[in-house]
C-alpha atoms as a PDB file:
ATOM      1  CA  MET A   1      22.988  16.675   5.275  1.00  0.00           C
ATOM      2  CA  ALA A   2      24.463  13.126   5.882  1.00  0.00           C
ATOM      3  CA  THR A   3      22.525  10.125   4.761  1.00  0.00           C
ATOM      4  CA  LYS A   4      22.939   6.468   4.484  1.00  0.00           C
ATOM      5  CA  THR A   5      20.953   4.430   2.261  1.00  0.00           C
ATOM      6  CA  LEU A   6      18.875   1.457   4.286  1.00  0.00           C
ATOM      7  CA  ILE A   7      16.855  -1.662   3.284  1.00  0.00           C
ATOM      8  CA  ARG A   8      13.396  -1.105   1.982  1.00  0.00           C
ATOM      9  CA  PHE A   9      10.724  -1.199   4.218  1.00  0.00           C
ATOM     10  CA  ASP A  10       8.919  -3.580   2.756  1.00  0.00           C
ATOM     11  CA  TRP A  11      11.695  -6.491   2.598  1.00  0.00           C
ATOM     12  CA  ALA A  12      12.416  -5.548   6.296  1.00  0.00           C
ATOM     13  CA  MET A  13       9.198  -6.271   7.016  1.00  0.00           C
ATOM     14  CA  LYS A  14       9.188  -9.698   5.763  1.00  0.00           C
ATOM     15  CA  ARG A  15      12.797 -10.591   7.227  1.00  0.00           C
ATOM     16  CA  MET A  16      13.635  -8.438   9.823  1.00  0.00           C
ATOM     17  CA  LEU A  17      10.822  -6.455  11.850  1.00  0.00           C
ATOM     18  CA  ARG A  18       9.150  -9.704  12.548  1.00  0.00           C
ATOM     19  CA  ASP A  19      12.069 -10.132  15.671  1.00  0.00           C
ATOM     20  CA  LYS A  20      10.865  -8.588  18.570  1.00  0.00           C
ATOM     21  CA  ALA A  21      14.165  -7.144  19.476  1.00  0.00           C
ATOM     22  CA  ASN A  22      13.126  -4.749  16.468  1.00  0.00           C
ATOM     23  CA  PHE A  23       9.803  -3.858  17.503  1.00  0.00           C
ATOM     24  CA  GLY A  24      10.601  -0.407  18.099  1.00  0.00           C
ATOM     25  CA  VAL A  25      10.716   0.462  14.499  1.00  0.00           C
ATOM     26  CA  LEU A  26       7.293  -0.253  13.897  1.00  0.00           C
ATOM     27  CA  GLU A  27       6.132   1.080  17.328  1.00  0.00           C
ATOM     28  CA  GLY A  28       8.043   4.780  15.761  1.00  0.00           C
ATOM     29  CA  LEU A  29       5.828   4.377  12.756  1.00  0.00           C
ATOM     30  CA  ILE A  30       2.335   3.746  14.284  1.00  0.00           C
ATOM     31  CA  THR A  31       3.179   6.091  17.251  1.00  0.00           C
ATOM     32  CA  THR A  32       4.216   8.875  14.635  1.00  0.00           C
ATOM     33  CA  LEU A  33       0.865   8.164  12.504  1.00  0.00           C
ATOM     34  CA  LEU A  34      -1.724   7.784  15.510  1.00  0.00           C
ATOM     35  CA  SER A  35      -0.005  10.424  17.751  1.00  0.00           C
ATOM     36  CA  LYS A  36      -0.031   8.439  20.830  1.00  0.00           C
ATOM     37  CA  ASN A  37       2.364   5.966  22.212  1.00  0.00           C
ATOM     38  CA  ILE A  38       2.496   2.586  21.143  1.00  0.00           C
ATOM     39  CA  HIS A  39       3.879  -0.490  22.635  1.00  0.00           C
ATOM     40  CA  ILE A  40       3.851  -3.905  20.384  1.00  0.00           C
ATOM     41  CA  VAL A  41       3.471  -6.806  22.668  1.00  0.00           C
ATOM     42  CA  LYS A  42       3.464  -9.518  19.942  1.00  0.00           C
ATOM     43  CA  LEU A  43       3.083 -10.334  16.087  1.00  0.00           C
ATOM     44  CA  LEU A  44       0.201 -12.423  14.960  1.00  0.00           C
ATOM     45  CA  GLU A  45      -0.597 -14.642  12.144  1.00  0.00           C
ATOM     46  CA  SER A  46      -1.082 -12.748   8.847  1.00  0.00           C
ATOM     47  CA  GLU A  47      -1.756 -13.472   5.286  1.00  0.00           C
ATOM     48  CA  SER A  48       1.992 -13.210   4.195  1.00  0.00           C
ATOM     49  CA  ASN A  49       3.812 -14.109   7.045  1.00  0.00           C
ATOM     50  CA  MET A  50       4.626 -17.296   4.960  1.00  0.00           C
ATOM     51  CA  GLU A  51       7.707 -16.557   2.674  1.00  0.00           C
ATOM     52  CA  ASP A  52       7.864 -16.514  -0.713  1.00  0.00           C
ATOM     53  CA  ASP A  53      10.447 -18.758  -1.660  1.00  0.00           C
ATOM     54  CA  ASN A  54      10.964 -17.066  -5.164  1.00  0.00           C
ATOM     55  CA  ASP A  55      10.957 -13.660  -3.677  1.00  0.00           C
ATOM     56  CA  LYS A  56       8.396 -12.332  -5.932  1.00  0.00           C
ATOM     57  CA  GLN A  57       5.584 -11.524  -3.914  1.00  0.00           C
ATOM     58  CA  ASN A  58       5.010  -7.939  -4.300  1.00  0.00           C
ATOM     59  CA  ARG A  59       2.911  -7.563  -1.076  1.00  0.00           C
ATOM     60  CA  VAL A  60       3.883  -8.093   2.533  1.00  0.00           C
ATOM     61  CA  ASP A  61       2.047  -7.386   5.623  1.00  0.00           C
ATOM     62  CA  ILE A  62       2.441  -7.691   9.399  1.00  0.00           C
ATOM     63  CA  LEU A  63      -0.478  -8.051  12.226  1.00  0.00           C
ATOM     64  CA  ALA A  64       0.727  -6.682  15.520  1.00  0.00           C
ATOM     65  CA  GLU A  65      -1.060  -6.420  18.823  1.00  0.00           C
ATOM     66  CA  ASP A  66      -0.398  -3.686  21.441  1.00  0.00           C
ATOM     67  CA  ASP A  67      -0.826  -3.994  25.520  1.00  0.00           C
ATOM     68  CA  LYS A  68      -4.340  -2.665  25.218  1.00  0.00           C
ATOM     69  CA  GLY A  69      -5.204  -5.655  23.117  1.00  0.00           C
ATOM     70  CA  GLU A  70      -5.776  -3.503  20.028  1.00  0.00           C
ATOM     71  CA  LEU A  71      -4.805  -4.836  16.124  1.00  0.00           C
ATOM     72  CA  PHE A  72      -2.579  -3.250  13.743  1.00  0.00           C
ATOM     73  CA  ILE A  73      -2.525  -4.239  10.409  1.00  0.00           C
ATOM     74  CA  ILE A  74       0.467  -3.016   8.301  1.00  0.00           C
ATOM     75  CA  GLU A  75       0.249  -3.436   4.808  1.00  0.00           C
ATOM     76  CA  VAL A  76       3.096  -2.635   2.067  1.00  0.00           C
ATOM     77  CA  GLN A  77       1.933  -3.103  -1.664  1.00  0.00           C
ATOM     78  CA  ASN A  78       4.002  -2.729  -4.528  1.00  0.00           C
ATOM     79  CA  GLU A  79       1.588  -3.660  -7.370  1.00  0.00           C
ATOM     80  CA  SER A  80      -1.347  -1.856  -8.647  1.00  0.00           C
ATOM     81  CA  GLU A  81      -4.953  -3.368  -7.649  1.00  0.00           C
ATOM     82  CA  PHE A  82      -7.612  -1.948  -8.899  1.00  0.00           C
ATOM     83  CA  ALA A  83      -9.981  -3.329  -5.873  1.00  0.00           C
ATOM     84  CA  TYR A  84      -7.404  -2.008  -3.036  1.00  0.00           C
ATOM     85  CA  PHE A  85     -10.051  -0.439  -1.130  1.00  0.00           C
ATOM     86  CA  GLN A  86     -12.256  -3.364  -0.892  1.00  0.00           C
ATOM     87  CA  ARG A  87      -8.830  -5.355  -0.133  1.00  0.00           C
ATOM     88  CA  MET A  88      -8.628  -3.129   2.767  1.00  0.00           C
ATOM     89  CA  LEU A  89     -12.088  -3.704   4.089  1.00  0.00           C
ATOM     90  CA  PHE A  90     -11.861  -7.596   3.710  1.00  0.00           C
ATOM     91  CA  GLY A  91      -8.596  -7.342   5.828  1.00  0.00           C
ATOM     92  CA  THR A  92     -10.286  -5.592   8.842  1.00  0.00           C
ATOM     93  CA  SER A  93     -13.487  -7.651   8.456  1.00  0.00           C
ATOM     94  CA  LYS A  94     -11.723 -10.827   8.443  1.00  0.00           C
ATOM     95  CA  LEU A  95      -9.803  -9.852  11.845  1.00  0.00           C
ATOM     96  CA  VAL A  96     -13.010  -8.528  13.474  1.00  0.00           C
ATOM     97  CA  THR A  97     -14.688 -12.077  13.180  1.00  0.00           C
ATOM     98  CA  GLU A  98     -11.228 -14.046  13.654  1.00  0.00           C
ATOM     99  CA  TYR A  99     -10.189 -12.733  16.979  1.00  0.00           C
ATOM    100  CA  ILE A 100     -13.380 -12.723  18.972  1.00  0.00           C
ATOM    101  CA  ASN A 101     -14.270 -15.988  20.549  1.00  0.00           C
ATOM    102  CA  ARG A 102     -17.474 -18.009  19.825  1.00  0.00           C
ATOM    103  CA  GLY A 103     -20.052 -17.085  22.492  1.00  0.00           C
ATOM    104  CA  GLN A 104     -18.468 -13.646  23.488  1.00  0.00           C
ATOM    105  CA  GLY A 105     -20.433 -10.452  23.242  1.00  0.00           C
ATOM    106  CA  TYR A 106     -19.893  -7.837  20.809  1.00  0.00           C
ATOM    107  CA  GLU A 107     -18.396  -5.280  23.524  1.00  0.00           C
ATOM    108  CA  ASN A 108     -15.349  -7.685  23.015  1.00  0.00           C
ATOM    109  CA  ILE A 109     -14.687  -6.884  19.120  1.00  0.00           C
ATOM    110  CA  ARG A 110     -11.320  -5.659  18.784  1.00  0.00           C
ATOM    111  CA  LYS A 111     -10.219  -1.925  17.607  1.00  0.00           C
ATOM    112  CA  ILE A 112      -8.439  -2.405  14.372  1.00  0.00           C
ATOM    113  CA  TYR A 113      -5.944  -0.229  12.372  1.00  0.00           C
ATOM    114  CA  SER A 114      -5.348  -0.603   8.902  1.00  0.00           C
ATOM    115  CA  ILE A 115      -2.199   0.969   7.832  1.00  0.00           C
ATOM    116  CA  ASN A 116      -1.593   1.219   4.045  1.00  0.00           C
ATOM    117  CA  ILE A 117       1.682   1.898   2.336  1.00  0.00           C
ATOM    118  CA  VAL A 118       1.210   2.085  -1.822  1.00  0.00           C
ATOM    119  CA  TYR A 119       3.816   2.473  -4.162  1.00  0.00           C
ATOM    120  CA  PHE A 120       1.201   3.135  -6.819  1.00  0.00           C
ATOM    121  CA  LYS A 121      -1.574   5.424  -7.936  1.00  0.00           C
ATOM    122  CA  LEU A 122      -4.247   4.691  -5.765  1.00  0.00           C
ATOM    123  CA  GLY A 123      -7.701   6.973  -6.522  1.00  0.00           C
ATOM    124  CA  ASN A 124      -7.553  10.226  -7.101  1.00  0.00           C
ATOM    125  CA  GLY A 125      -5.660  12.963  -4.443  1.00  0.00           C
ATOM    126  CA  THR A 126      -2.981  15.142  -4.113  1.00  0.00           C
ATOM    127  CA  ASP A 127      -2.571  14.399  -0.525  1.00  0.00           C
ATOM    128  CA  TYR A 128      -0.139  11.725   0.773  1.00  0.00           C
ATOM    129  CA  VAL A 129      -1.307  10.636   3.665  1.00  0.00           C
ATOM    130  CA  TYR A 130      -5.269   9.668   4.198  1.00  0.00           C
ATOM    131  CA  HIS A 131      -7.170   8.695   7.175  1.00  0.00           C
ATOM    132  CA  GLY A 132     -10.636   6.922   6.884  1.00  0.00           C
ATOM    133  CA  LYS A 133     -13.207   6.268   9.961  1.00  0.00           C
ATOM    134  CA  THR A 134     -16.730   5.431  10.514  1.00  0.00           C
ATOM    135  CA  GLU A 135     -19.185   8.170  11.614  1.00  0.00           C
ATOM    136  CA  PHE A 136     -22.895   8.406  11.591  1.00  0.00           C
ATOM    137  CA  ARG A 137     -24.607  11.661  10.950  1.00  0.00           C
ATOM    138  CA  GLY A 138     -28.285  12.573  10.633  1.00  0.00           C
ATOM    139  CA  MET A 139     -29.567  12.649   7.398  1.00  0.00           C
ATOM    140  CA  HIS A 140     -31.406  16.096   7.951  1.00  0.00           C
ATOM    141  CA  ASN A 141     -29.570  18.018  10.340  1.00  0.00           C
ATOM    142  CA  GLY A 142     -26.300  16.565  10.035  1.00  0.00           C
ATOM    143  CA  GLU A 143     -25.819  15.640  13.685  1.00  0.00           C
ATOM    144  CA  LEU A 144     -23.116  13.367  14.964  1.00  0.00           C
ATOM    145  CA  LEU A 145     -24.498  10.210  16.631  1.00  0.00           C
ATOM    146  CA  THR A 146     -22.602   9.942  19.882  1.00  0.00           C
ATOM    147  CA  LEU A 147     -22.349   7.551  22.547  1.00  0.00           C
ATOM    148  CA  SER A 148     -24.381   7.824  25.640  1.00  0.00           C
ATOM    149  CA  GLY A 149     -22.747   8.171  29.142  1.00  0.00           C
ATOM    150  CA  PHE A 150     -23.025   4.851  30.218  1.00  0.00           C
ATOM    151  CA  GLN A 151     -20.949   3.256  26.826  1.00  0.00           C
ATOM    152  CA  GLN A 152     -18.242   5.747  27.151  1.00  0.00           C
ATOM    153  CA  GLN A 153     -17.980   4.436  30.628  1.00  0.00           C
ATOM    154  CA  LYS A 154     -18.148   0.897  29.424  1.00  0.00           C
ATOM    155  CA  PHE A 155     -16.211   0.636  26.151  1.00  0.00           C
ATOM    156  CA  GLN A 156     -13.569   3.395  27.696  1.00  0.00           C
ATOM    157  CA  VAL A 157     -13.621   5.563  24.266  1.00  0.00           C
ATOM    158  CA  SER A 158     -15.366   8.666  23.440  1.00  0.00           C
ATOM    159  CA  GLU A 159     -16.635   8.387  20.080  1.00  0.00           C
ATOM    160  CA  VAL A 160     -18.628   5.900  17.943  1.00  0.00           C
ATOM    161  CA  SER A 161     -15.946   5.930  15.269  1.00  0.00           C
ATOM    162  CA  GLU A 162     -13.360   4.428  18.035  1.00  0.00           C
ATOM    163  CA  LEU A 163     -15.094   1.408  17.782  1.00  0.00           C
ATOM    164  CA  TYR A 164     -14.637   0.672  14.174  1.00  0.00           C
ATOM    165  CA  PRO A 165     -11.836   0.117  12.327  1.00  0.00           C
ATOM    166  CA  GLU A 166      -9.686   2.963  10.991  1.00  0.00           C
ATOM    167  CA  TYR A 167      -7.519   2.878   7.848  1.00  0.00           C
ATOM    168  CA  TYR A 168      -4.831   4.907   7.094  1.00  0.00           C
ATOM    169  CA  ILE A 169      -3.207   5.244   3.740  1.00  0.00           C
ATOM    170  CA  LEU A 170       0.265   6.305   3.018  1.00  0.00           C
ATOM    171  CA  LYS A 171       0.876   7.092  -0.816  1.00  0.00           C
ATOM    172  CA  VAL A 172       4.670   7.462  -0.699  1.00  0.00           C
ATOM    173  CA  ASN A 173       5.720   7.644  -3.976  1.00  0.00           C
ATOM    174  CA  ASP A 174       5.833  11.364  -4.991  1.00  0.00           C
ATOM    175  CA  PHE A 175       7.024  12.401  -1.573  1.00  0.00           C
ATOM    176  CA  ASN A 176      10.806  13.121  -1.470  1.00  0.00           C
ATOM    177  CA  LYS A 177      11.015  16.695   0.524  1.00  0.00           C
ATOM    178  CA  TRP A 178      13.198  16.310   3.732  1.00  0.00           C
ATOM    179  CA  SER A 179      11.168  17.737   6.663  1.00  0.00           C
ATOM    180  CA  ARG A 180      10.960  18.440  10.279  1.00  0.00           C
ATOM    181  CA  VAL A 181       7.294  16.871  10.657  1.00  0.00           C
ATOM    182  CA  PRO A 182       7.736  13.218  12.262  1.00  0.00           C
ATOM    183  CA  LEU A 183       5.364  12.075   9.710  1.00  0.00           C
ATOM    184  CA  GLU A 184       6.780  13.730   6.757  1.00  0.00           C
ATOM    185  CA  GLN A 185      10.215  11.867   8.121  1.00  0.00           C
ATOM    186  CA  TRP A 186       8.701   8.617   8.087  1.00  0.00           C
ATOM    187  CA  ILE A 187       6.966   9.177   4.446  1.00  0.00           C
ATOM    188  CA  TYR A 188      10.291  10.487   3.185  1.00  0.00           C
ATOM    189  CA  PHE A 189      11.965   7.332   4.487  1.00  0.00           C
ATOM    190  CA  LEU A 190       9.578   4.852   2.934  1.00  0.00           C
ATOM    191  CA  ASN A 191       9.888   6.620  -0.298  1.00  0.00           C
ATOM    192  CA  THR A 192      13.631   6.897  -0.564  1.00  0.00           C
ATOM    193  CA  GLY A 193      15.224   4.539   1.458  1.00  0.00           C
ATOM    194  CA  GLU A 194      17.120   7.068   3.584  1.00  0.00           C
ATOM    195  CA  ILE A 195      17.345   8.665   7.003  1.00  0.00           C
ATOM    196  CA  PRO A 196      19.226  11.741   7.495  1.00  0.00           C
ATOM    197  CA  GLU A 197      21.492  12.069  10.768  1.00  0.00           C
ATOM    198  CA  ASP A 198      18.879  14.827  12.096  1.00  0.00           C
ATOM    199  CA  ALA A 199      16.013  12.519  11.856  1.00  0.00           C
ATOM    200  CA  ASP A 200      14.000  12.314  15.034  1.00  0.00           C
ATOM    201  CA  ALA A 201      10.675  10.804  14.302  1.00  0.00           C
ATOM    202  CA  PRO A 202      10.183   7.812  16.590  1.00  0.00           C
ATOM    203  CA  GLY A 203      11.472   4.529  15.429  1.00  0.00           C
ATOM    204  CA  LEU A 204      13.826   5.927  12.593  1.00  0.00           C
ATOM    205  CA  GLY A 205      16.447   5.945  14.973  1.00  0.00           C
ATOM    206  CA  GLU A 206      16.268   2.067  15.727  1.00  0.00           C
ATOM    207  CA  ALA A 207      16.122   1.939  11.577  1.00  0.00           C
ATOM    208  CA  ARG A 208      19.022   3.567  10.973  1.00  0.00           C
ATOM    209  CA  GLU A 209      20.867   1.435  13.147  1.00  0.00           C
ATOM    210  CA  LYS A 210      19.143  -2.112  12.200  1.00  0.00           C
ATOM    211  CA  LEU A 211      18.260  -1.746   8.585  1.00  0.00           C
ATOM    212  CA  ILE A 212      21.838  -1.488   7.186  1.00  0.00           C
ATOM    213  CA  LEU A 213      22.887  -3.536   4.261  1.00  0.00           C
ATOM    214  CA  GLU A 214      26.098  -4.702   6.022  1.00  0.00           C
ATOM    215  CA  HIS A 215      24.110  -6.608   8.565  1.00  0.00           C
ATOM    216  CA  MET A 216      23.160  -8.822   5.987  1.00  0.00           C
ATOM    217  CA  THR A 217      24.648 -12.277   5.102  1.00  0.00           C
ATOM    218  CA  LYS A 218      25.980 -12.856   1.587  1.00  0.00           C
ATOM    219  CA  THR A 219      22.556 -15.070   1.087  1.00  0.00           C
ATOM    220  CA  GLU A 220      20.420 -12.367   2.427  1.00  0.00           C
ATOM    221  CA  LEU A 221      21.570  -9.909   0.024  1.00  0.00           C
ATOM    222  CA  GLU A 222      21.574 -12.089  -3.027  1.00  0.00           C
ATOM    223  CA  ALA A 223      17.948 -12.381  -2.171  1.00  0.00           C
ATOM    224  CA  TYR A 224      17.347  -8.831  -1.305  1.00  0.00           C
ATOM    225  CA  TYR A 225      18.820  -7.690  -4.723  1.00  0.00           C
ATOM    226  CA  ARG A 226      16.355 -10.138  -6.530  1.00  0.00           C
ATOM    227  CA  HIS A 227      13.874  -8.377  -4.347  1.00  0.00           C
ATOM    228  CA  LEU A 228      15.051  -5.364  -5.542  1.00  0.00           C
ATOM    229  CA  ASP A 229      14.965  -6.593  -9.257  1.00  0.00           C
ATOM    230  CA  ASN A 230      11.429  -7.775  -9.065  1.00  0.00           C
ATOM    231  CA  ILE A 231      10.233  -4.182  -7.998  1.00  0.00           C
ATOM    232  CA  VAL A 232      12.249  -2.701 -10.980  1.00  0.00           C
ATOM    233  CA  VAL A 233      10.811  -5.102 -13.337  1.00  0.00           C
ATOM    234  CA  LEU A 234       7.400  -4.596 -12.460  1.00  0.00           C
ATOM    235  CA  GLN A 235       8.050  -0.755 -12.426  1.00  0.00           C
ATOM    236  CA  ASP A 236       9.444  -1.053 -16.049  1.00  0.00           C
ATOM    237  CA  ASN A 237       6.354  -3.258 -17.167  1.00  0.00           C
ATOM    238  CA  ILE A 238       3.899  -0.727 -16.010  1.00  0.00           C
ATOM    239  CA  THR A 239       6.081   2.173 -17.863  1.00  0.00           C
ATOM    240  CA  THR A 240       6.829  -0.006 -21.154  1.00  0.00           C
ATOM    241  CA  ALA A 241       3.336  -1.147 -21.582  1.00  0.00           C
ATOM    242  CA  ARG A 242       1.723   2.045 -21.308  1.00  0.00           C
ATOM    243  CA  GLY A 243       4.550   3.927 -23.345  1.00  0.00           C
ATOM    244  CA  GLU A 244       4.413   0.818 -26.208  1.00  0.00           C
ATOM    245  CA  GLY A 245       0.780   1.120 -26.423  1.00  0.00           C
ATOM    246  CA  ARG A 246       0.597   4.830 -26.481  1.00  0.00           C
ATOM    247  CA  LEU A 247       3.488   4.699 -29.572  1.00  0.00           C
ATOM    248  CA  GLU A 248       2.295   1.802 -31.701  1.00  0.00           C
ATOM    249  CA  GLY A 249      -1.543   3.205 -31.445  1.00  0.00           C
ATOM    250  CA  PHE A 250      -0.062   6.818 -32.564  1.00  0.00           C
ATOM    251  CA  TYR A 251       1.489   5.571 -35.558  1.00  0.00           C
ATOM    252  CA  GLU A 252      -1.234   2.941 -36.863  1.00  0.00           C
ATOM    253  CA  GLY A 253      -3.681   5.818 -36.151  1.00  0.00           C
ATOM    254  CA  ARG A 254      -1.537   8.225 -38.399  1.00  0.00           C
ATOM    255  CA  GLU A 255      -1.208   5.788 -41.546  1.00  0.00           C
ATOM    256  CA  GLU A 256      -4.852   4.762 -41.420  1.00  0.00           C
ATOM    257  CA  GLY A 257      -5.597   8.908 -41.098  1.00  0.00           C
ATOM    258  CA  ARG A 258      -3.545   9.616 -43.948  1.00  0.00           C
ATOM    259  CA  ALA A 259      -4.887   6.433 -45.992  1.00  0.00           C
ATOM    260  CA  GLU A 260      -8.127   7.743 -46.002  1.00  0.00           C
ATOM    261  CA  GLY A 261      -7.099  11.359 -46.353  1.00  0.00           C
ATOM    262  CA  ARG A 262      -9.945  12.860 -44.414  1.00  0.00           C
ATOM    263  CA  ALA A 263      -9.225  14.685 -40.598  1.00  0.00           C
ATOM    264  CA  GLU A 264     -11.894  12.331 -39.070  1.00  0.00           C
ATOM    265  CA  GLY A 265     -10.428   9.049 -40.828  1.00  0.00           C
ATOM    266  CA  ARG A 266      -7.062  10.145 -38.805  1.00  0.00           C
ATOM    267  CA  GLU A 267      -8.780  10.546 -35.576  1.00  0.00           C
ATOM    268  CA  GLU A 268     -10.784   7.119 -35.808  1.00  0.00           C
ATOM    269  CA  GLY A 269      -7.008   5.548 -37.303  1.00  0.00           C
ATOM    270  CA  ARG A 270      -5.483   6.807 -33.790  1.00  0.00           C
ATOM    271  CA  ALA A 271      -7.960   5.533 -31.545  1.00  0.00           C
ATOM    272  CA  GLU A 272      -8.245   2.281 -33.021  1.00  0.00           C
ATOM    273  CA  GLY A 273      -4.507   1.858 -33.757  1.00  0.00           C
ATOM    274  CA  GLU A 274      -4.114   2.983 -29.884  1.00  0.00           C
ATOM    275  CA  LYS A 275      -6.768   0.396 -28.537  1.00  0.00           C
ATOM    276  CA  LEU A 276      -4.695  -2.185 -30.719  1.00  0.00           C
ATOM    277  CA  GLY A 277      -1.489  -1.294 -29.273  1.00  0.00           C
ATOM    278  CA  LYS A 278      -2.765  -1.405 -26.171  1.00  0.00           C
ATOM    279  CA  LEU A 279      -4.565  -4.638 -26.215  1.00  0.00           C
ATOM    280  CA  LYS A 280      -1.193  -5.876 -27.639  1.00  0.00           C
ATOM    281  CA  SER A 281       0.919  -4.876 -24.910  1.00  0.00           C
ATOM    282  CA  ALA A 282      -1.987  -6.281 -22.231  1.00  0.00           C
ATOM    283  CA  LYS A 283      -1.509  -9.610 -23.871  1.00  0.00           C
ATOM    284  CA  LEU A 284       2.234  -9.354 -23.434  1.00  0.00           C
ATOM    285  CA  MET A 285       2.112  -8.303 -19.905  1.00  0.00           C
ATOM    286  CA  VAL A 286      -0.558 -11.532 -19.084  1.00  0.00           C
ATOM    287  CA  ALA A 287       2.037 -13.796 -21.042  1.00  0.00           C
ATOM    288  CA  ALA A 288       4.772 -13.071 -19.263  1.00  0.00           C
ATOM    289  CA  GLY A 289       3.134 -13.472 -15.817  1.00  0.00           C
ATOM    290  CA  ALA A 290       1.431 -10.293 -14.499  1.00  0.00           C
ATOM    291  CA  ASP A 291      -2.069 -10.489 -13.165  1.00  0.00           C
ATOM    292  CA  LYS A 292      -4.968 -10.039 -15.153  1.00  0.00           C
ATOM    293  CA  ASN A 293      -6.608  -7.501 -13.042  1.00  0.00           C
ATOM    294  CA  PHE A 294      -3.527  -5.769 -12.477  1.00  0.00           C
ATOM    295  CA  VAL A 295      -2.986  -5.305 -16.474  1.00  0.00           C
ATOM    296  CA  ILE A 296      -6.532  -4.114 -16.862  1.00  0.00           C
ATOM    297  CA  GLU A 297      -6.222  -1.751 -14.106  1.00  0.00           C
ATOM    298  CA  THR A 298      -3.132  -0.637 -15.519  1.00  0.00           C
ATOM    299  CA  LEU A 299      -4.014  -0.146 -19.026  1.00  0.00           C
ATOM    300  CA  ASN A 300      -7.604   0.913 -18.192  1.00  0.00           C
ATOM    301  CA  LEU A 301      -8.861  -1.786 -20.538  1.00  0.00           C
ATOM    302  CA  THR A 302     -12.584  -1.685 -21.370  1.00  0.00           C
ATOM    303  CA  LEU A 303     -15.108  -4.604 -20.399  1.00  0.00           C
ATOM    304  CA  ASP A 304     -14.522  -6.142 -24.030  1.00  0.00           C
ATOM    305  CA  GLU A 305     -10.762  -5.758 -24.192  1.00  0.00           C
ATOM    306  CA  ALA A 306     -10.755  -7.474 -20.854  1.00  0.00           C
ATOM    307  CA  ARG A 307     -12.492 -10.432 -22.503  1.00  0.00           C
ATOM    308  CA  GLU A 308      -9.800 -10.700 -25.004  1.00  0.00           C
ATOM    309  CA  LEU A 309      -6.904 -11.663 -22.357  1.00  0.00           C
END
């Protein structure tokens, strides 16, 4: 199976996919995910449209508008964030209020799709694509609350959920199996950076032609490689912090347990040693510039341990 390695999708979003000539890539992703044809008219101002001079930003987003006036916020997040679910809610809530003019009726609230591509463990679940929407069901009979005929005609939708923001979470890290299913082809590309020659999912043909390293200038390549280095450092910090904390905790616990000479002493020693090792790693990560909330979530620190950072 012939493949070519391409530019990471988050970097492409930051630098290339904001060009109207490349909208076809984004349109392909959204079309595949929503199972309906999407045509992007323009990009709007979003939180990370501003470039980071140090190229150390581990999150990037794009806000797009289609020809129906619907909004699509596509976000790539590389760094673990324990309150990411709330972040998704904040992002859509902000768009609801920002993109309605003062004095307009509520019927003018825009439809919003939040598409989140995450490269970290978010919640507990074994699937790689999750979809969330708002529904109202009877507490006694489980009946789904529906729109009246007039509301359906007025709003041009058939379900209440179509009036509310919808969320998609793509957990791409663990998916590396090539498939004939279009959505799985996209997940494979997002994870591996590769598009095999037989890919036929919408947008992947454009991505294969436009997101190649050879099209980048020397300066762009240097910036891109710095970005890749930052991603590797981030992943190494997570792995090292977890590994060192467990290893140091094990040895300190074992020594203390031996000194006491009792089985319960050994177990208590191991637990205390692991706690000390974990806290030491956490302090080193914070000193190196890691976000405190990220460290707390990654190392699963208790409230008391978090206070010591």
